[in-house]
């Protein structure tokens, strides 16, 4: 397929998805959620309800609305008694908007019906498929959102124990990410698979752990603590997906490893990493690990420098 035809196919796929999804959520109906409001009017109500005394300009920027259209919507809301205006103390040309009691009642109805509709949509799916759907939506938003990172809301993530399928994901993502970012090939995937297999088959519940970092229903990181000896714990397979980097996920995973190992009675933590993994090295250094030795090898493709780090607990 030529580049032009590939581009056309992608455009057609996105447009097809848009047609499908707008029908799924009912935005093409004359009124939204069987209320007297259009989708645009409902979004304006939402912004006024969820912002602290916004101006019309604030709402217009948030929704990228034409100023004339927004002005007409606000005048309609005033006639219906849904909003109140208060002149700005800083600029007499601007007014701060808020919902009246009637406006709050209208907004509550929209919220209730929107929650109900989305609950019904998700309720048709199994829990795993719900997580896949939410993760896919998060990916779309991440790729298309042009809000500067410093202005965007900081995504939330959580840590949990592994579930069915997570161990396969760990091996797969290590192989894919390290191949793409560092050119490490199949023998590295074999090393990861062996580490995971040993953990699963020889698991010591009192002295070993695995954590999965999850964000918006999607796996974005992992780490293991395994027993090296009666007194030494080892960190293995720390990974953070690109979309979750810069959020403190890696540092949190390592902190959990250190905390658990101290509680389990280990005296020392050790780990094996490589000089090219600069972000991971920074995390280990910040956690108090010290570099004890290095060695050079060429097992997975490009030559790399292995590093061995220890932490006295």
C-alpha atoms as a PDB file:
ATOM      1  CA  UNK A   1       0.000   0.000   0.000  1.00  0.00           C
ATOM      2  CA  UNK A   2       1.375   3.427  -0.979  1.00  0.00           C
ATOM      3  CA  UNK A   3       1.811   6.160   1.643  1.00  0.00           C
ATOM      4  CA  UNK A   4      -1.087   8.129   0.098  1.00  0.00           C
ATOM      5  CA  UNK A   5      -3.459   5.150   0.170  1.00  0.00           C
ATOM      6  CA  UNK A   6      -2.385   4.306   3.720  1.00  0.00           C
ATOM      7  CA  UNK A   7      -3.143   7.884   4.792  1.00  0.00           C
ATOM      8  CA  UNK A   8      -6.547   7.774   3.092  1.00  0.00           C
ATOM      9  CA  UNK A   9      -7.349   4.452   4.792  1.00  0.00           C
ATOM     10  CA  UNK A  10      -6.463   5.892   8.193  1.00  0.00           C
ATOM     11  CA  UNK A  11      -8.605   8.969   7.603  1.00  0.00           C
ATOM     12  CA  UNK A  12     -11.518   6.752   6.589  1.00  0.00           C
ATOM     13  CA  UNK A  13     -11.037   4.615   9.707  1.00  0.00           C
ATOM     14  CA  UNK A  14     -11.083   7.649  12.025  1.00  0.00           C
ATOM     15  CA  UNK A  15     -14.140   9.119  10.302  1.00  0.00           C
ATOM     16  CA  UNK A  16     -15.896   5.761  10.516  1.00  0.00           C
ATOM     17  CA  UNK A  17     -15.160   5.541  14.232  1.00  0.00           C
ATOM     18  CA  UNK A  18     -16.495   9.071  14.744  1.00  0.00           C
ATOM     19  CA  UNK A  19     -19.764   8.199  13.012  1.00  0.00           C
ATOM     20  CA  UNK A  20     -20.081   5.012  15.059  1.00  0.00           C
ATOM     21  CA  UNK A  21     -19.333   6.653  18.409  1.00  0.00           C
ATOM     22  CA  UNK A  22     -21.525   9.731  17.959  1.00  0.00           C
ATOM     23  CA  UNK A  23     -24.417   7.361  17.300  1.00  0.00           C
ATOM     24  CA  UNK A  24     -23.516   5.217  20.324  1.00  0.00           C
ATOM     25  CA  UNK A  25     -23.653   8.164  22.750  1.00  0.00           C
ATOM     26  CA  UNK A  26     -26.639   9.845  21.104  1.00  0.00           C
ATOM     27  CA  UNK A  27     -25.120  13.234  20.329  1.00  0.00           C
ATOM     28  CA  UNK A  28     -26.980  13.512  17.014  1.00  0.00           C
ATOM     29  CA  UNK A  29     -30.397  13.646  18.654  1.00  0.00           C
ATOM     30  CA  UNK A  30     -32.165  16.996  18.700  1.00  0.00           C
ATOM     31  CA  UNK A  31     -32.043  17.046  22.494  1.00  0.00           C
ATOM     32  CA  UNK A  32     -29.325  15.548  24.682  1.00  0.00           C
ATOM     33  CA  UNK A  33     -30.208  12.737  27.123  1.00  0.00           C
ATOM     34  CA  UNK A  34     -33.925  13.453  26.645  1.00  0.00           C
ATOM     35  CA  UNK A  35     -33.585  16.891  28.265  1.00  0.00           C
ATOM     36  CA  UNK A  36     -34.504  20.306  26.792  1.00  0.00           C
ATOM     37  CA  UNK A  37     -30.813  20.975  26.041  1.00  0.00           C
ATOM     38  CA  UNK A  38     -28.589  20.342  23.059  1.00  0.00           C
ATOM     39  CA  UNK A  39     -25.148  18.776  23.560  1.00  0.00           C
ATOM     40  CA  UNK A  40     -23.521  22.211  23.211  1.00  0.00           C
ATOM     41  CA  UNK A  41     -25.802  23.711  25.866  1.00  0.00           C
ATOM     42  CA  UNK A  42     -25.144  20.767  28.192  1.00  0.00           C
ATOM     43  CA  UNK A  43     -21.381  21.267  27.838  1.00  0.00           C
ATOM     44  CA  UNK A  44     -21.723  24.974  28.679  1.00  0.00           C
ATOM     45  CA  UNK A  45     -23.702  24.089  31.806  1.00  0.00           C
ATOM     46  CA  UNK A  46     -21.011  21.579  32.748  1.00  0.00           C
ATOM     47  CA  UNK A  47     -18.212  24.133  32.442  1.00  0.00           C
ATOM     48  CA  UNK A  48     -20.063  26.719  34.533  1.00  0.00           C
ATOM     49  CA  UNK A  49     -20.854  24.092  37.184  1.00  0.00           C
ATOM     50  CA  UNK A  50     -17.305  22.762  37.398  1.00  0.00           C
ATOM     51  CA  UNK A  51     -15.287  25.976  37.212  1.00  0.00           C
ATOM     52  CA  UNK A  52     -14.886  28.591  39.916  1.00  0.00           C
ATOM     53  CA  UNK A  53     -16.816  31.699  38.756  1.00  0.00           C
ATOM     54  CA  UNK A  54     -15.768  31.432  35.094  1.00  0.00           C
ATOM     55  CA  UNK A  55     -16.219  34.256  32.598  1.00  0.00           C
ATOM     56  CA  UNK A  56     -17.775  33.710  29.190  1.00  0.00           C
ATOM     57  CA  UNK A  57     -14.251  33.888  27.753  1.00  0.00           C
ATOM     58  CA  UNK A  58     -13.121  31.083  30.062  1.00  0.00           C
ATOM     59  CA  UNK A  59     -15.992  28.859  28.901  1.00  0.00           C
ATOM     60  CA  UNK A  60     -15.415  29.747  25.255  1.00  0.00           C
ATOM     61  CA  UNK A  61     -11.706  28.848  25.459  1.00  0.00           C
ATOM     62  CA  UNK A  62     -12.382  25.593  27.304  1.00  0.00           C
ATOM     63  CA  UNK A  63     -14.896  24.422  24.692  1.00  0.00           C
ATOM     64  CA  UNK A  64     -13.432  26.165  21.638  1.00  0.00           C
ATOM     65  CA  UNK A  65     -16.855  27.714  20.927  1.00  0.00           C
ATOM     66  CA  UNK A  66     -17.712  30.504  18.543  1.00  0.00           C
ATOM     67  CA  UNK A  67     -18.233  33.672  20.611  1.00  0.00           C
ATOM     68  CA  UNK A  68     -21.538  34.481  18.896  1.00  0.00           C
ATOM     69  CA  UNK A  69     -22.957  31.012  19.521  1.00  0.00           C
ATOM     70  CA  UNK A  70     -21.846  31.061  23.168  1.00  0.00           C
ATOM     71  CA  UNK A  71     -23.388  34.503  23.670  1.00  0.00           C
ATOM     72  CA  UNK A  72     -26.741  33.232  22.354  1.00  0.00           C
ATOM     73  CA  UNK A  73     -26.589  30.175  24.645  1.00  0.00           C
ATOM     74  CA  UNK A  74     -25.859  32.336  27.696  1.00  0.00           C
ATOM     75  CA  UNK A  75     -28.717  34.721  26.871  1.00  0.00           C
ATOM     76  CA  UNK A  76     -31.052  31.727  26.584  1.00  0.00           C
ATOM     77  CA  UNK A  77     -29.854  30.440  29.943  1.00  0.00           C
ATOM     78  CA  UNK A  78     -30.502  33.839  31.515  1.00  0.00           C
ATOM     79  CA  UNK A  79     -34.039  33.939  30.144  1.00  0.00           C
ATOM     80  CA  UNK A  80     -34.667  30.480  31.580  1.00  0.00           C
ATOM     81  CA  UNK A  81     -33.229  31.530  34.945  1.00  0.00           C
ATOM     82  CA  UNK A  82     -30.429  28.957  34.815  1.00  0.00           C
ATOM     83  CA  UNK A  83     -27.434  31.254  35.377  1.00  0.00           C
ATOM     84  CA  UNK A  84     -26.482  34.410  37.219  1.00  0.00           C
ATOM     85  CA  UNK A  85     -23.903  37.014  36.245  1.00  0.00           C
ATOM     86  CA  UNK A  86     -21.712  39.081  38.555  1.00  0.00           C
ATOM     87  CA  UNK A  87     -19.580  41.945  37.236  1.00  0.00           C
ATOM     88  CA  UNK A  88     -15.837  41.339  37.529  1.00  0.00           C
ATOM     89  CA  UNK A  89     -14.047  43.545  40.062  1.00  0.00           C
ATOM     90  CA  UNK A  90     -11.003  43.620  37.788  1.00  0.00           C
ATOM     91  CA  UNK A  91     -12.669  44.267  34.444  1.00  0.00           C
ATOM     92  CA  UNK A  92     -16.143  45.813  34.215  1.00  0.00           C
ATOM     93  CA  UNK A  93     -16.503  44.416  30.691  1.00  0.00           C
ATOM     94  CA  UNK A  94     -16.386  40.864  32.060  1.00  0.00           C
ATOM     95  CA  UNK A  95     -18.962  38.995  34.154  1.00  0.00           C
ATOM     96  CA  UNK A  96     -18.474  35.906  36.290  1.00  0.00           C
ATOM     97  CA  UNK A  97     -20.984  33.142  35.686  1.00  0.00           C
ATOM     98  CA  UNK A  98     -22.622  30.789  38.165  1.00  0.00           C
ATOM     99  CA  UNK A  99     -25.582  28.426  38.196  1.00  0.00           C
ATOM    100  CA  UNK A 100     -28.819  29.514  39.827  1.00  0.00           C
ATOM    101  CA  UNK A 101     -30.806  26.989  41.919  1.00  0.00           C
ATOM    102  CA  UNK A 102     -32.739  26.115  38.741  1.00  0.00           C
ATOM    103  CA  UNK A 103     -29.459  25.772  36.868  1.00  0.00           C
ATOM    104  CA  UNK A 104     -28.036  23.429  39.498  1.00  0.00           C
ATOM    105  CA  UNK A 105     -31.175  21.302  39.252  1.00  0.00           C
ATOM    106  CA  UNK A 106     -30.857  21.150  35.454  1.00  0.00           C
ATOM    107  CA  UNK A 107     -27.179  20.248  35.705  1.00  0.00           C
ATOM    108  CA  UNK A 108     -27.905  17.520  38.290  1.00  0.00           C
ATOM    109  CA  UNK A 109     -30.433  15.938  35.922  1.00  0.00           C
ATOM    110  CA  UNK A 110     -27.911  15.948  33.069  1.00  0.00           C
ATOM    111  CA  UNK A 111     -25.247  14.391  35.317  1.00  0.00           C
ATOM    112  CA  UNK A 112     -27.623  11.704  36.546  1.00  0.00           C
ATOM    113  CA  UNK A 113     -28.702  10.704  33.042  1.00  0.00           C
ATOM    114  CA  UNK A 114     -25.165  10.856  31.657  1.00  0.00           C
ATOM    115  CA  UNK A 115     -23.901   8.625  34.461  1.00  0.00           C
ATOM    116  CA  UNK A 116     -26.780   6.233  33.861  1.00  0.00           C
ATOM    117  CA  UNK A 117     -26.183   6.043  30.111  1.00  0.00           C
ATOM    118  CA  UNK A 118     -22.444   5.418  30.510  1.00  0.00           C
ATOM    119  CA  UNK A 119     -23.112   2.848  33.221  1.00  0.00           C
ATOM    120  CA  UNK A 120     -25.484   1.021  30.888  1.00  0.00           C
ATOM    121  CA  UNK A 121     -22.953   1.149  28.045  1.00  0.00           C
ATOM    122  CA  UNK A 122     -20.169  -0.276  30.226  1.00  0.00           C
ATOM    123  CA  UNK A 123     -22.554  -2.766  31.821  1.00  0.00           C
ATOM    124  CA  UNK A 124     -22.792  -4.627  28.516  1.00  0.00           C
ATOM    125  CA  UNK A 125     -19.094  -5.482  28.761  1.00  0.00           C
ATOM    126  CA  UNK A 126     -17.105  -7.814  30.994  1.00  0.00           C
ATOM    127  CA  UNK A 127     -14.737  -6.168  33.497  1.00  0.00           C
ATOM    128  CA  UNK A 128     -11.663  -6.917  31.365  1.00  0.00           C
ATOM    129  CA  UNK A 129     -13.306  -5.401  28.280  1.00  0.00           C
ATOM    130  CA  UNK A 130     -14.326  -2.331  30.283  1.00  0.00           C
ATOM    131  CA  UNK A 131     -10.666  -1.864  31.215  1.00  0.00           C
ATOM    132  CA  UNK A 132      -9.638  -2.260  27.549  1.00  0.00           C
ATOM    133  CA  UNK A 133     -12.209   0.324  26.484  1.00  0.00           C
ATOM    134  CA  UNK A 134     -11.099   2.863  29.094  1.00  0.00           C
ATOM    135  CA  UNK A 135      -7.435   2.281  28.189  1.00  0.00           C
ATOM    136  CA  UNK A 136      -8.161   2.795  24.475  1.00  0.00           C
ATOM    137  CA  UNK A 137     -10.006   6.027  25.228  1.00  0.00           C
ATOM    138  CA  UNK A 138      -7.091   7.189  27.358  1.00  0.00           C
ATOM    139  CA  UNK A 139      -4.719   6.482  24.471  1.00  0.00           C
ATOM    140  CA  UNK A 140      -6.857   8.510  22.052  1.00  0.00           C
ATOM    141  CA  UNK A 141      -6.973  11.410  24.491  1.00  0.00           C
ATOM    142  CA  UNK A 142      -3.223  11.289  25.171  1.00  0.00           C
ATOM    143  CA  UNK A 143      -2.354  11.268  21.466  1.00  0.00           C
ATOM    144  CA  UNK A 144      -4.758  14.024  20.414  1.00  0.00           C
ATOM    145  CA  UNK A 145      -4.650  16.353  23.444  1.00  0.00           C
ATOM    146  CA  UNK A 146      -2.516  19.381  22.563  1.00  0.00           C
ATOM    147  CA  UNK A 147      -2.706  20.887  26.065  1.00  0.00           C
ATOM    148  CA  UNK A 148       0.834  21.690  27.239  1.00  0.00           C
ATOM    149  CA  UNK A 149       1.992  19.054  29.722  1.00  0.00           C
ATOM    150  CA  UNK A 150       2.505  21.609  32.487  1.00  0.00           C
ATOM    151  CA  UNK A 151      -1.125  22.749  32.143  1.00  0.00           C
ATOM    152  CA  UNK A 152      -2.728  19.337  31.770  1.00  0.00           C
ATOM    153  CA  UNK A 153      -4.219  17.612  34.787  1.00  0.00           C
ATOM    154  CA  UNK A 154      -1.743  15.123  36.248  1.00  0.00           C
ATOM    155  CA  UNK A 155      -2.943  11.590  35.477  1.00  0.00           C
ATOM    156  CA  UNK A 156      -3.626   9.322  38.446  1.00  0.00           C
ATOM    157  CA  UNK A 157      -2.114   5.884  38.759  1.00  0.00           C
ATOM    158  CA  UNK A 158      -2.275   3.119  41.348  1.00  0.00           C
ATOM    159  CA  UNK A 159      -0.299   0.023  42.280  1.00  0.00           C
ATOM    160  CA  UNK A 160      -1.825  -3.438  42.590  1.00  0.00           C
ATOM    161  CA  UNK A 161      -0.920  -7.122  42.730  1.00  0.00           C
ATOM    162  CA  UNK A 162      -0.660  -8.967  39.395  1.00  0.00           C
ATOM    163  CA  UNK A 163      -3.697 -10.624  37.834  1.00  0.00           C
ATOM    164  CA  UNK A 164      -4.122 -13.282  35.152  1.00  0.00           C
ATOM    165  CA  UNK A 165      -2.347 -12.154  31.985  1.00  0.00           C
ATOM    166  CA  UNK A 166      -0.072  -9.630  33.705  1.00  0.00           C
ATOM    167  CA  UNK A 167       3.015 -11.864  33.671  1.00  0.00           C
ATOM    168  CA  UNK A 168       2.699 -12.372  29.916  1.00  0.00           C
ATOM    169  CA  UNK A 169       2.264  -8.617  29.517  1.00  0.00           C
ATOM    170  CA  UNK A 170       5.470  -7.995  31.500  1.00  0.00           C
ATOM    171  CA  UNK A 171       7.558 -10.169  29.173  1.00  0.00           C
ATOM    172  CA  UNK A 172       5.891  -8.770  26.035  1.00  0.00           C
ATOM    173  CA  UNK A 173       6.330  -5.109  26.975  1.00  0.00           C
ATOM    174  CA  UNK A 174       9.940  -5.553  28.082  1.00  0.00           C
ATOM    175  CA  UNK A 175      10.737  -7.173  24.737  1.00  0.00           C
ATOM    176  CA  UNK A 176       8.883  -4.533  22.711  1.00  0.00           C
ATOM    177  CA  UNK A 177      10.117  -1.447  24.569  1.00  0.00           C
ATOM    178  CA  UNK A 178      13.762  -2.461  24.855  1.00  0.00           C
ATOM    179  CA  UNK A 179      13.852  -3.528  21.211  1.00  0.00           C
ATOM    180  CA  UNK A 180      12.397  -0.175  20.090  1.00  0.00           C
ATOM    181  CA  UNK A 181      14.430   2.015  22.446  1.00  0.00           C
ATOM    182  CA  UNK A 182      17.767   0.186  22.710  1.00  0.00           C
ATOM    183  CA  UNK A 183      17.876  -2.423  19.944  1.00  0.00           C
ATOM    184  CA  UNK A 184      17.941  -5.384  22.348  1.00  0.00           C
ATOM    185  CA  UNK A 185      16.793  -8.561  20.619  1.00  0.00           C
ATOM    186  CA  UNK A 186      15.408 -12.059  21.325  1.00  0.00           C
ATOM    187  CA  UNK A 187      17.941 -13.262  23.924  1.00  0.00           C
ATOM    188  CA  UNK A 188      16.816 -10.378  26.152  1.00  0.00           C
ATOM    189  CA  UNK A 189      13.193 -11.496  25.841  1.00  0.00           C
ATOM    190  CA  UNK A 190      14.320 -14.965  26.904  1.00  0.00           C
ATOM    191  CA  UNK A 191      16.005 -13.526  30.004  1.00  0.00           C
ATOM    192  CA  UNK A 192      12.787 -11.682  30.944  1.00  0.00           C
ATOM    193  CA  UNK A 193      10.685 -14.793  30.372  1.00  0.00           C
ATOM    194  CA  UNK A 194      12.981 -16.854  32.600  1.00  0.00           C
ATOM    195  CA  UNK A 195      12.849 -14.280  35.414  1.00  0.00           C
ATOM    196  CA  UNK A 196       9.044 -14.255  35.291  1.00  0.00           C
ATOM    197  CA  UNK A 197       8.836 -18.059  35.112  1.00  0.00           C
ATOM    198  CA  UNK A 198      11.140 -18.439  38.123  1.00  0.00           C
ATOM    199  CA  UNK A 199       9.059 -15.939  40.107  1.00  0.00           C
ATOM    200  CA  UNK A 200       5.774 -17.686  39.319  1.00  0.00           C
ATOM    201  CA  UNK A 201       7.034 -21.242  39.840  1.00  0.00           C
ATOM    202  CA  UNK A 202       9.087 -20.602  42.984  1.00  0.00           C
ATOM    203  CA  UNK A 203       7.051 -17.804  44.556  1.00  0.00           C
ATOM    204  CA  UNK A 204       7.711 -17.188  48.266  1.00  0.00           C
ATOM    205  CA  UNK A 205       4.701 -15.218  49.512  1.00  0.00           C
ATOM    206  CA  UNK A 206       6.472 -13.984  52.655  1.00  0.00           C
ATOM    207  CA  UNK A 207       9.597 -12.732  50.916  1.00  0.00           C
ATOM    208  CA  UNK A 208       8.694 -11.865  47.318  1.00  0.00           C
ATOM    209  CA  UNK A 209       6.355  -9.449  45.568  1.00  0.00           C
ATOM    210  CA  UNK A 210       5.299  -8.098  42.176  1.00  0.00           C
ATOM    211  CA  UNK A 211       3.531  -4.768  41.671  1.00  0.00           C
ATOM    212  CA  UNK A 212       1.670  -3.575  38.583  1.00  0.00           C
ATOM    213  CA  UNK A 213       1.218   0.170  38.050  1.00  0.00           C
ATOM    214  CA  UNK A 214      -2.157   0.912  36.460  1.00  0.00           C
ATOM    215  CA  UNK A 215      -3.536   4.151  35.005  1.00  0.00           C
ATOM    216  CA  UNK A 216      -7.046   4.530  33.554  1.00  0.00           C
ATOM    217  CA  UNK A 217      -7.457   0.760  33.547  1.00  0.00           C
ATOM    218  CA  UNK A 218      -4.226   0.166  31.610  1.00  0.00           C
ATOM    219  CA  UNK A 219      -0.950  -1.385  32.788  1.00  0.00           C
ATOM    220  CA  UNK A 220       1.806   1.247  32.713  1.00  0.00           C
ATOM    221  CA  UNK A 221       4.562  -0.241  34.853  1.00  0.00           C
ATOM    222  CA  UNK A 222       5.850  -3.153  36.916  1.00  0.00           C
ATOM    223  CA  UNK A 223       8.585  -4.350  39.254  1.00  0.00           C
ATOM    224  CA  UNK A 224       9.542  -7.485  41.191  1.00  0.00           C
ATOM    225  CA  UNK A 225      11.257  -8.155  44.510  1.00  0.00           C
ATOM    226  CA  UNK A 226      12.748 -11.676  44.540  1.00  0.00           C
ATOM    227  CA  UNK A 227      14.727 -13.574  47.151  1.00  0.00           C
ATOM    228  CA  UNK A 228      18.439 -13.690  46.289  1.00  0.00           C
ATOM    229  CA  UNK A 229      19.391 -15.259  49.623  1.00  0.00           C
ATOM    230  CA  UNK A 230      18.171 -15.282  53.210  1.00  0.00           C
ATOM    231  CA  UNK A 231      19.538 -11.752  53.699  1.00  0.00           C
ATOM    232  CA  UNK A 232      19.558 -10.278  50.168  1.00  0.00           C
ATOM    233  CA  UNK A 233      16.562  -9.128  48.111  1.00  0.00           C
ATOM    234  CA  UNK A 234      16.819  -8.357  44.401  1.00  0.00           C
ATOM    235  CA  UNK A 235      14.875  -5.835  42.299  1.00  0.00           C
ATOM    236  CA  UNK A 236      13.991  -7.177  38.863  1.00  0.00           C
ATOM    237  CA  UNK A 237      12.212  -6.041  35.698  1.00  0.00           C
ATOM    238  CA  UNK A 238      11.426  -2.424  36.591  1.00  0.00           C
ATOM    239  CA  UNK A 239       9.498  -0.950  33.655  1.00  0.00           C
ATOM    240  CA  UNK A 240       7.496   2.235  33.079  1.00  0.00           C
ATOM    241  CA  UNK A 241       5.541   2.800  29.865  1.00  0.00           C
ATOM    242  CA  UNK A 242       6.326   5.963  27.895  1.00  0.00           C
ATOM    243  CA  UNK A 243       2.911   7.527  28.605  1.00  0.00           C
ATOM    244  CA  UNK A 244       3.494   7.262  32.380  1.00  0.00           C
ATOM    245  CA  UNK A 245       7.044   8.571  32.505  1.00  0.00           C
ATOM    246  CA  UNK A 246       7.605  11.757  34.469  1.00  0.00           C
ATOM    247  CA  UNK A 247       4.770  10.979  36.900  1.00  0.00           C
ATOM    248  CA  UNK A 248       6.895   9.355  39.600  1.00  0.00           C
ATOM    249  CA  UNK A 249       5.742   5.820  38.790  1.00  0.00           C
ATOM    250  CA  UNK A 250       9.260   4.340  38.699  1.00  0.00           C
ATOM    251  CA  UNK A 251      10.292   5.957  41.982  1.00  0.00           C
ATOM    252  CA  UNK A 252       7.099   4.755  43.649  1.00  0.00           C
ATOM    253  CA  UNK A 253       7.677   1.173  42.475  1.00  0.00           C
ATOM    254  CA  UNK A 254      11.230   1.179  43.794  1.00  0.00           C
ATOM    255  CA  UNK A 255      10.097   2.710  47.098  1.00  0.00           C
ATOM    256  CA  UNK A 256       7.585  -0.130  47.483  1.00  0.00           C
ATOM    257  CA  UNK A 257      10.371  -2.650  46.882  1.00  0.00           C
ATOM    258  CA  UNK A 258      12.578  -1.075  49.557  1.00  0.00           C
ATOM    259  CA  UNK A 259       9.731  -0.783  52.069  1.00  0.00           C
ATOM    260  CA  UNK A 260       8.656  -4.398  51.566  1.00  0.00           C
ATOM    261  CA  UNK A 261      12.213  -5.729  51.775  1.00  0.00           C
ATOM    262  CA  UNK A 262      12.856  -3.979  55.058  1.00  0.00           C
ATOM    263  CA  UNK A 263       9.631  -5.391  56.479  1.00  0.00           C
ATOM    264  CA  UNK A 264      10.518  -8.885  55.233  1.00  0.00           C
ATOM    265  CA  UNK A 265      13.784  -8.825  57.187  1.00  0.00           C
ATOM    266  CA  UNK A 266      16.319  -8.530  54.380  1.00  0.00           C
ATOM    267  CA  UNK A 267      19.622  -6.800  55.172  1.00  0.00           C
ATOM    268  CA  UNK A 268      20.604  -5.775  51.635  1.00  0.00           C
ATOM    269  CA  UNK A 269      18.949  -5.029  48.291  1.00  0.00           C
ATOM    270  CA  UNK A 270      20.765  -5.591  45.044  1.00  0.00           C
ATOM    271  CA  UNK A 271      19.950  -5.027  41.384  1.00  0.00           C
ATOM    272  CA  UNK A 272      21.380  -5.391  37.893  1.00  0.00           C
ATOM    273  CA  UNK A 273      20.915  -2.603  35.364  1.00  0.00           C
ATOM    274  CA  UNK A 274      22.771  -0.968  32.460  1.00  0.00           C
ATOM    275  CA  UNK A 275      24.467   2.373  31.961  1.00  0.00           C
ATOM    276  CA  UNK A 276      22.153   3.329  29.062  1.00  0.00           C
ATOM    277  CA  UNK A 277      19.080   3.145  31.322  1.00  0.00           C
ATOM    278  CA  UNK A 278      19.609   6.651  32.644  1.00  0.00           C
ATOM    279  CA  UNK A 279      16.132   7.216  34.094  1.00  0.00           C
ATOM    280  CA  UNK A 280      16.269   3.949  36.051  1.00  0.00           C
ATOM    281  CA  UNK A 281      19.804   4.708  37.293  1.00  0.00           C
ATOM    282  CA  UNK A 282      18.606   8.102  38.556  1.00  0.00           C
ATOM    283  CA  UNK A 283      15.752   6.429  40.469  1.00  0.00           C
ATOM    284  CA  UNK A 284      18.117   3.914  42.072  1.00  0.00           C
ATOM    285  CA  UNK A 285      20.600   6.621  43.006  1.00  0.00           C
ATOM    286  CA  UNK A 286      17.886   8.767  44.563  1.00  0.00           C
ATOM    287  CA  UNK A 287      16.635   5.761  46.574  1.00  0.00           C
ATOM    288  CA  UNK A 288      20.108   5.365  48.101  1.00  0.00           C
ATOM    289  CA  UNK A 289      21.578   2.555  46.000  1.00  0.00           C
ATOM    290  CA  UNK A 290      25.319   2.721  45.240  1.00  0.00           C
ATOM    291  CA  UNK A 291      27.157   1.377  42.198  1.00  0.00           C
ATOM    292  CA  UNK A 292      29.497  -1.455  43.236  1.00  0.00           C
ATOM    293  CA  UNK A 293      30.844  -2.821  39.922  1.00  0.00           C
ATOM    294  CA  UNK A 294      30.430  -2.832  36.143  1.00  0.00           C
ATOM    295  CA  UNK A 295      31.125  -5.181  33.254  1.00  0.00           C
ATOM    296  CA  UNK A 296      30.768  -4.960  29.472  1.00  0.00           C
ATOM    297  CA  UNK A 297      28.812  -7.476  27.392  1.00  0.00           C
ATOM    298  CA  UNK A 298      27.188  -7.879  23.967  1.00  0.00           C
ATOM    299  CA  UNK A 299      24.511 -10.487  24.562  1.00  0.00           C
ATOM    300  CA  UNK A 300      21.421  -8.808  23.087  1.00  0.00           C
ATOM    301  CA  UNK A 301      22.715  -6.724  20.159  1.00  0.00           C
ATOM    302  CA  UNK A 302      24.637  -3.486  20.794  1.00  0.00           C
ATOM    303  CA  UNK A 303      27.452  -3.626  23.362  1.00  0.00           C
ATOM    304  CA  UNK A 304      26.293  -2.445  26.794  1.00  0.00           C
ATOM    305  CA  UNK A 305      27.815  -1.821  30.213  1.00  0.00           C
ATOM    306  CA  UNK A 306      26.145  -3.821  32.983  1.00  0.00           C
ATOM    307  CA  UNK A 307      25.992  -2.217  36.416  1.00  0.00           C
ATOM    308  CA  UNK A 308      25.483  -3.807  39.826  1.00  0.00           C
ATOM    309  CA  UNK A 309      23.983  -1.628  42.576  1.00  0.00           C
ATOM    310  CA  UNK A 310      23.458  -2.338  46.288  1.00  0.00           C
ATOM    311  CA  UNK A 311      21.497  -0.759  49.130  1.00  0.00           C
ATOM    312  CA  UNK A 312      22.063  -1.491  52.804  1.00  0.00           C
ATOM    313  CA  UNK A 313      18.662  -1.798  54.489  1.00  0.00           C
END
